[in-house]
Protein backbone atom coordinates (compact mmCIF):
# COMPACT_ATOMS: atom_id res chain seq x y z
CA MET A 1 12.24 -48.27 -21.71
CA SER A 2 14.99 -49.11 -18.83
CA ARG A 3 14.27 -47.56 -15.35
CA ALA A 4 17.46 -45.51 -15.84
CA GLU A 5 15.79 -43.88 -19.05
CA ASP A 6 12.45 -43.68 -17.51
CA GLU A 7 13.85 -41.83 -14.34
CA GLN A 8 16.11 -39.33 -17.07
CA ARG A 9 12.77 -38.41 -18.55
CA GLU A 10 11.20 -37.73 -15.48
CA ARG A 11 14.22 -35.49 -14.52
CA GLU A 12 13.93 -33.98 -17.80
CA ILE A 13 10.40 -32.91 -17.46
CA ARG A 14 10.63 -31.82 -13.72
CA SER A 15 13.69 -29.50 -15.10
CA ARG A 16 11.53 -28.27 -17.81
CA ALA A 17 8.83 -27.34 -15.40
CA VAL A 18 11.06 -25.51 -13.32
CA GLU A 19 12.68 -23.75 -16.63
CA LEU A 20 8.82 -22.73 -17.48
CA ARG A 21 7.88 -21.55 -14.11
CA ASP A 22 11.07 -19.23 -13.77
CA ALA A 23 10.67 -18.06 -17.46
CA ARG A 24 6.46 -17.04 -16.41
CA ASN A 25 7.66 -15.71 -13.52
CA ARG A 26 10.37 -13.44 -15.03
CA GLU A 27 8.04 -12.26 -17.97
CA TYR A 28 5.36 -11.43 -15.14
CA GLU A 29 8.01 -9.58 -13.18
CA GLN A 30 8.93 -7.52 -16.55
CA TYR A 31 5.38 -7.12 -17.33
CA ARG A 32 4.45 -5.77 -13.94
CA GLN A 33 7.64 -3.41 -13.99
CA ARG A 34 6.78 -1.87 -17.13
CA GLY A 35 2.85 -1.04 -16.07
CA LYS A 36 4.69 0.55 -12.97
CA GLN A 37 6.71 2.64 -15.90
CA LEU A 38 3.84 3.67 -17.58
CA ASP A 39 1.79 4.62 -15.07
CA SER A 40 4.52 6.55 -13.41
CA ALA A 41 4.55 8.11 -17.10
CA GLU A 42 0.84 9.11 -17.02
CA ASP A 43 1.19 10.47 -13.85
CA GLU A 44 4.02 12.81 -14.63
CA VAL A 45 1.83 13.85 -18.19
CA ARG A 46 -1.36 14.54 -16.05
CA ARG A 47 0.61 16.36 -13.36
CA ALA A 48 2.29 18.53 -16.58
CA GLN A 49 -1.25 19.01 -17.76
CA TRP A 50 -2.61 20.04 -14.26
CA ASP A 51 0.21 22.60 -13.51
CA PHE A 52 -0.18 24.22 -17.13
CA ASN A 53 -4.03 24.48 -16.58
CA GLU A 54 -3.03 26.14 -13.38
CA GLN A 55 -0.87 28.82 -15.04
CA LEU A 56 -3.25 29.22 -17.84
CA GLN A 57 -5.77 30.06 -15.05
CA ASP A 58 -3.19 32.25 -13.51
CA LEU A 59 -2.74 34.26 -16.90
CA GLY A 60 -6.65 34.30 -17.24
CA THR A 61 -6.87 36.01 -14.00
CA ARG A 62 -4.13 38.59 -14.72
CA VAL A 63 -5.28 39.60 -18.03
CA VAL A 64 -9.15 40.00 -16.49
CA ALA A 65 -7.31 42.13 -13.78
CA LEU A 66 -5.70 44.07 -16.71
CA LEU A 67 -9.07 44.26 -18.13
CA LYS A 68 -10.79 45.99 -15.41
CA GLN A 69 -7.85 48.68 -14.87
CA GLY A 70 -7.11 49.07 -18.75
CA ASP A 71 -7.36 52.04 -20.72
CA GLY A 72 -7.86 52.16 -24.35
CA ASP A 73 -4.35 51.72 -25.17
CA SER A 74 -3.93 48.39 -23.62
CA GLY A 75 -6.69 46.41 -25.62
CA ASP A 76 -5.02 45.44 -28.45
CA ALA A 77 -2.32 44.27 -26.02
CA ILE A 78 -4.52 42.19 -23.98
CA GLU A 79 -6.19 40.62 -27.19
CA LYS A 80 -3.03 39.56 -28.33
CA ALA A 81 -2.03 37.86 -24.74
CA VAL A 82 -5.35 36.22 -24.76
CA THR A 83 -4.73 34.92 -28.50
CA VAL A 84 -1.31 33.56 -27.30
CA ILE A 85 -2.64 31.87 -24.48
CA GLU A 86 -4.89 30.14 -26.44
CA GLN A 87 -2.66 28.88 -28.68
CA ASN A 88 -0.27 27.54 -26.00
CA ARG A 89 -3.29 26.00 -24.62
CA GLN A 90 -3.94 24.24 -27.70
CA SER A 91 -0.85 23.38 -28.41
CA SER A 92 -0.01 21.85 -24.75
CA GLU A 93 -3.26 19.91 -24.84
CA ALA A 94 -2.24 18.32 -28.53
CA VAL A 95 0.93 17.50 -26.99
CA ILE A 96 -0.42 16.15 -23.73
CA ASN A 97 -2.77 14.19 -25.54
CA GLU A 98 -0.32 12.73 -27.88
CA LYS A 99 1.61 11.48 -24.67
CA LEU A 100 -1.55 9.90 -23.17
CA ARG A 101 -2.10 8.05 -26.72
CA TYR A 102 1.47 6.62 -26.77
CA ILE A 103 1.02 5.52 -23.13
CA ASP A 104 -2.38 3.99 -23.88
CA ASP A 105 -0.83 2.19 -27.12
CA ALA A 106 2.19 1.02 -25.04
CA ARG A 107 -0.34 -0.23 -22.36
CA GLU A 108 -2.00 -1.93 -25.53
CA GLN A 109 1.19 -4.10 -26.88
CA LEU A 110 2.40 -4.98 -23.36
CA ALA A 111 -1.02 -6.53 -22.59
CA GLN A 112 -0.90 -8.31 -25.78
CA SER A 113 2.79 -9.20 -25.65
CA HIS A 114 2.06 -10.19 -21.82
CA ARG A 115 -1.02 -12.35 -23.70
CA GLU A 116 1.05 -14.12 -25.91
CA CYS A 117 3.80 -14.95 -23.54
CA GLU A 118 0.87 -16.58 -21.15
CA ARG A 119 -0.16 -18.83 -24.22
CA ALA A 120 3.06 -20.00 -25.10
CA PHE A 121 3.98 -20.55 -21.63
CA GLU A 122 0.63 -22.65 -21.41
CA ARG A 123 1.68 -24.42 -24.71
CA GLY A 124 4.98 -25.54 -23.16
CA GLU A 125 3.11 -26.63 -19.70
CA GLU A 126 0.90 -28.50 -22.01
CA ASP A 127 3.70 -30.06 -24.12
CA ASN A 128 5.41 -31.21 -20.79
CA ARG A 129 2.07 -32.95 -19.53
CA LYS A 130 1.84 -34.81 -22.63
CA ARG A 131 5.63 -35.76 -21.92
CA ALA A 132 4.85 -37.14 -18.56
CA ARG A 133 1.79 -38.97 -19.77
CA GLY A 134 3.85 -40.57 -22.12
CA ASN A 135 6.47 -41.73 -19.80
CA ASN A 136 3.93 -42.75 -17.48
CA GLY A 137 1.52 -44.72 -19.57
């Protein structure tokens, strides 16, 4: 190879190294941002769960107060209220658990995608090193 061809090849190798580094940095930033979004979503679900549990506790306190003051007629209404509260609790718990599973699944998919990108970048860097060795040897 001529000197000009060697220099051109070296420029191409350096350019490819910069492209790989920049692509890796962009991918990592996207990975980091998506992770933050998932953390925020989980925090939001946990806050909703906490708020709901607090409301449920308040309702339970009210039912107990009604039972203490109650007369014979209020028993059926209180029993119905307790049933509705329990159904709402179960329904809300199911929704919250589903959202948390979705977040966990999204985290796993994100991590898998990140690992695949890392392997691709490593292969690209290795190819670039092989080109450089071929150019120098």
